[in-house]
């Protein structure tokens, strides 16, 4: 098959001066191109071999274990057994952290979260807290509606006969909990 470059005229010394450098570079690239007989078909996505899900999970968890940032509301592998024994307490801590982390840097939240958990270590303790005390401890995080929703949600969850949420759908029924927070708490704590 003839090469496409054969149709291009050879540049002479006279025309070379008139051809801009970019055009000369393009001509050189075309002349150097391999013969084109037939276009190659793109590989079919359905023929692609997908990685094993378990292998991907294991690789991701290994990567996570090597370099993640430790945060007080996260449970490390050594603490996981104790945390799963009291998922309600763990879920409460994760819920508080997720709300605090909305539009606030992690480095600022750590100290606030620790003070919060000392002041109100359980959802029942928060439910009995005074609104002014909650806002005072929240002071500096901004967006005070977030702490008001935490207090309202805690009162809802600590009410007699209230069921503790364990799924995304159940967390969405808690006052002030949106789709992201509901999914985060449910997946982190309840898998």
Protein backbone atom coordinates (compact mmCIF):
# COMPACT_ATOMS: atom_id res chain seq x y z
CA UNK A 1 0.00 0.00 0.00
CA UNK A 2 1.39 3.39 -0.87
CA UNK A 3 2.20 5.67 2.00
CA UNK A 4 0.15 8.80 2.41
CA UNK A 5 3.35 10.86 2.41
CA UNK A 6 4.15 10.04 -1.21
CA UNK A 7 1.44 12.46 -2.30
CA UNK A 8 3.22 15.32 -0.57
CA UNK A 9 5.60 17.29 -2.78
CA UNK A 10 9.23 17.43 -1.74
CA UNK A 11 10.25 20.79 -0.40
CA UNK A 12 12.91 22.63 -2.34
CA UNK A 13 15.39 25.13 -0.94
CA UNK A 14 13.23 27.99 -2.27
CA UNK A 15 9.99 26.77 -0.76
CA UNK A 16 11.58 25.72 2.52
CA UNK A 17 12.27 29.36 3.39
CA UNK A 18 8.63 30.20 2.79
CA UNK A 19 7.19 27.34 4.85
CA UNK A 20 6.84 28.21 8.52
CA UNK A 21 8.61 25.95 10.99
CA UNK A 22 5.33 24.43 12.26
CA UNK A 23 4.33 23.38 8.75
CA UNK A 24 7.75 21.80 8.19
CA UNK A 25 7.41 19.92 11.48
CA UNK A 26 3.97 18.66 10.48
CA UNK A 27 5.26 17.53 7.08
CA UNK A 28 8.16 15.71 8.72
CA UNK A 29 5.78 13.98 11.15
CA UNK A 30 3.54 12.81 8.30
CA UNK A 31 6.50 11.48 6.31
CA UNK A 32 7.73 9.59 9.39
CA UNK A 33 4.31 8.09 10.13
CA UNK A 34 3.98 4.33 9.71
CA UNK A 35 2.10 2.90 6.77
CA UNK A 36 -1.63 3.04 7.31
CA UNK A 37 -3.40 0.11 5.75
CA UNK A 38 -6.47 -0.34 7.89
CA UNK A 39 -7.63 1.45 10.98
CA UNK A 40 -7.33 -0.56 14.18
CA UNK A 41 -10.52 -1.19 16.10
CA UNK A 42 -10.64 -0.01 19.69
CA UNK A 43 -10.78 -2.85 22.22
CA UNK A 44 -14.28 -3.71 23.35
CA UNK A 45 -14.94 -2.82 26.98
CA UNK A 46 -16.88 -6.06 27.41
CA UNK A 47 -13.72 -8.02 26.57
CA UNK A 48 -11.69 -6.26 29.27
CA UNK A 49 -10.60 -8.36 32.23
CA UNK A 50 -11.76 -6.75 35.44
CA UNK A 51 -9.70 -7.06 38.61
CA UNK A 52 -10.94 -9.36 41.35
CA UNK A 53 -13.01 -7.36 43.86
CA UNK A 54 -11.40 -9.03 46.87
CA UNK A 55 -7.91 -8.28 45.52
CA UNK A 56 -8.81 -4.63 44.98
CA UNK A 57 -10.28 -4.40 48.49
CA UNK A 58 -7.19 -5.98 50.04
CA UNK A 59 -4.85 -3.67 48.11
CA UNK A 60 -6.88 -0.62 49.11
CA UNK A 61 -6.94 -1.62 52.78
CA UNK A 62 -3.18 -2.26 52.74
CA UNK A 63 -2.63 1.18 51.22
CA UNK A 64 -4.93 2.71 53.86
CA UNK A 65 -3.13 1.00 56.74
CA UNK A 66 0.24 2.33 55.52
CA UNK A 67 -0.61 5.99 55.32
CA UNK A 68 -3.93 7.21 56.68
CA UNK A 69 -4.17 10.05 59.14
CA UNK A 70 -5.23 9.01 62.64
CA UNK A 71 -8.30 10.82 63.94
CA UNK A 72 -9.95 10.32 67.33
CA UNK A 73 -13.35 9.38 65.87
CA UNK A 74 -11.85 6.67 63.67
CA UNK A 75 -11.31 3.19 64.99
CA UNK A 76 -8.03 1.47 64.28
CA UNK A 77 -7.92 -2.29 63.72
CA UNK A 78 -6.89 -2.86 67.35
CA UNK A 79 -9.88 -0.83 68.60
CA UNK A 80 -12.38 -2.21 66.12
CA UNK A 81 -13.54 -5.14 68.24
CA UNK A 82 -14.31 -2.89 71.21
CA UNK A 83 -16.01 -0.36 68.95
CA UNK A 84 -18.25 -2.93 67.32
CA UNK A 85 -19.36 -4.08 70.78
CA UNK A 86 -20.79 -0.60 71.33
CA UNK A 87 -21.77 0.56 67.85
CA UNK A 88 -24.17 3.15 69.25
CA UNK A 89 -21.36 5.04 70.98
CA UNK A 90 -19.17 4.73 67.89
CA UNK A 91 -21.98 5.93 65.63
CA UNK A 92 -22.61 8.90 67.89
CA UNK A 93 -18.94 9.92 67.73
CA UNK A 94 -18.83 9.54 63.95
CA UNK A 95 -22.08 11.53 63.60
CA UNK A 96 -20.65 14.38 65.70
CA UNK A 97 -17.41 14.36 63.67
CA UNK A 98 -19.24 14.36 60.33
CA UNK A 99 -21.34 17.36 61.35
CA UNK A 100 -18.31 19.23 62.70
CA UNK A 101 -16.33 18.51 59.54
CA UNK A 102 -18.89 20.17 57.29
CA UNK A 103 -17.07 23.24 55.95
CA UNK A 104 -14.41 23.00 58.67
CA UNK A 105 -10.82 21.73 58.42
CA UNK A 106 -9.92 18.47 60.14
CA UNK A 107 -7.09 20.16 62.04
CA UNK A 108 -9.60 22.51 63.71
CA UNK A 109 -12.20 19.84 64.41
CA UNK A 110 -10.03 17.44 66.44
CA UNK A 111 -9.83 19.63 69.55
CA UNK A 112 -13.52 20.55 69.35
CA UNK A 113 -14.53 16.92 68.93
CA UNK A 114 -12.50 15.85 71.97
CA UNK A 115 -14.02 18.61 74.14
CA UNK A 116 -17.50 17.74 72.87
CA UNK A 117 -17.10 14.06 73.70
CA UNK A 118 -15.89 14.92 77.22
CA UNK A 119 -18.86 17.23 77.76
CA UNK A 120 -21.46 14.92 76.15
CA UNK A 121 -20.05 11.38 75.78
CA UNK A 122 -23.40 9.86 74.80
CA UNK A 123 -26.38 10.91 72.75
CA UNK A 124 -28.44 10.82 75.94
CA UNK A 125 -26.05 13.26 77.63
CA UNK A 126 -26.27 15.61 74.65
CA UNK A 127 -30.07 15.36 74.64
CA UNK A 128 -30.18 16.82 78.17
CA UNK A 129 -27.67 19.61 77.41
CA UNK A 130 -28.60 23.26 77.54
CA UNK A 131 -28.75 25.00 74.16
CA UNK A 132 -26.47 27.81 75.40
CA UNK A 133 -23.83 25.31 76.59
CA UNK A 134 -23.89 23.50 73.24
CA UNK A 135 -23.44 26.77 71.35
CA UNK A 136 -20.67 27.89 73.70
CA UNK A 137 -18.66 24.72 73.11
CA UNK A 138 -19.33 25.00 69.36
CA UNK A 139 -18.10 28.61 69.33
CA UNK A 140 -15.36 29.00 66.74
CA UNK A 141 -16.63 26.32 64.36
CA UNK A 142 -19.22 28.62 62.78
CA UNK A 143 -22.50 27.66 61.14
CA UNK A 144 -24.31 27.34 64.47
CA UNK A 145 -27.31 25.67 62.84
CA UNK A 146 -25.18 22.51 62.68
CA UNK A 147 -24.89 22.26 66.47
CA UNK A 148 -28.58 23.06 66.85
CA UNK A 149 -29.39 20.15 64.54
CA UNK A 150 -27.09 17.87 66.56
CA UNK A 151 -28.97 18.81 69.72
CA UNK A 152 -32.37 18.32 68.06
CA UNK A 153 -31.27 14.99 66.60
CA UNK A 154 -29.96 13.83 69.97
CA UNK A 155 -33.29 14.68 71.62
CA UNK A 156 -35.09 12.74 68.89
CA UNK A 157 -32.84 9.68 69.33
CA UNK A 158 -32.90 9.77 73.15
CA UNK A 159 -36.70 9.98 73.30
CA UNK A 160 -38.40 7.03 75.01
CA UNK A 161 -39.01 4.24 72.53
CA UNK A 162 -36.86 5.78 69.81
CA UNK A 163 -35.02 3.25 67.67
CA UNK A 164 -31.31 3.79 67.10
CA UNK A 165 -30.59 4.22 63.36
CA UNK A 166 -28.28 1.66 61.75
CA UNK A 167 -28.95 2.24 58.06
CA UNK A 168 -28.66 5.19 55.72
CA UNK A 169 -32.44 5.32 55.40
CA UNK A 170 -32.88 5.38 59.18
CA UNK A 171 -30.21 8.08 59.63
CA UNK A 172 -32.00 10.25 57.06
CA UNK A 173 -34.97 10.39 59.45
CA UNK A 174 -32.84 12.06 62.14
CA UNK A 175 -33.34 15.82 62.30
CA UNK A 176 -30.58 17.66 60.43
CA UNK A 177 -28.95 14.56 58.92
CA UNK A 178 -28.57 14.75 55.15
CA UNK A 179 -27.68 12.14 52.54
CA UNK A 180 -23.90 12.41 52.91
CA UNK A 181 -23.85 12.24 56.71
CA UNK A 182 -26.40 9.41 56.75
CA UNK A 183 -24.34 7.38 54.29
CA UNK A 184 -21.07 8.15 56.10
CA UNK A 185 -22.27 7.07 59.55
CA UNK A 186 -24.05 3.98 58.25
CA UNK A 187 -21.11 2.80 56.15
CA UNK A 188 -18.34 3.61 58.63
CA UNK A 189 -20.04 2.07 61.65
CA UNK A 190 -22.40 -0.54 60.25
CA UNK A 191 -20.59 -1.41 57.03
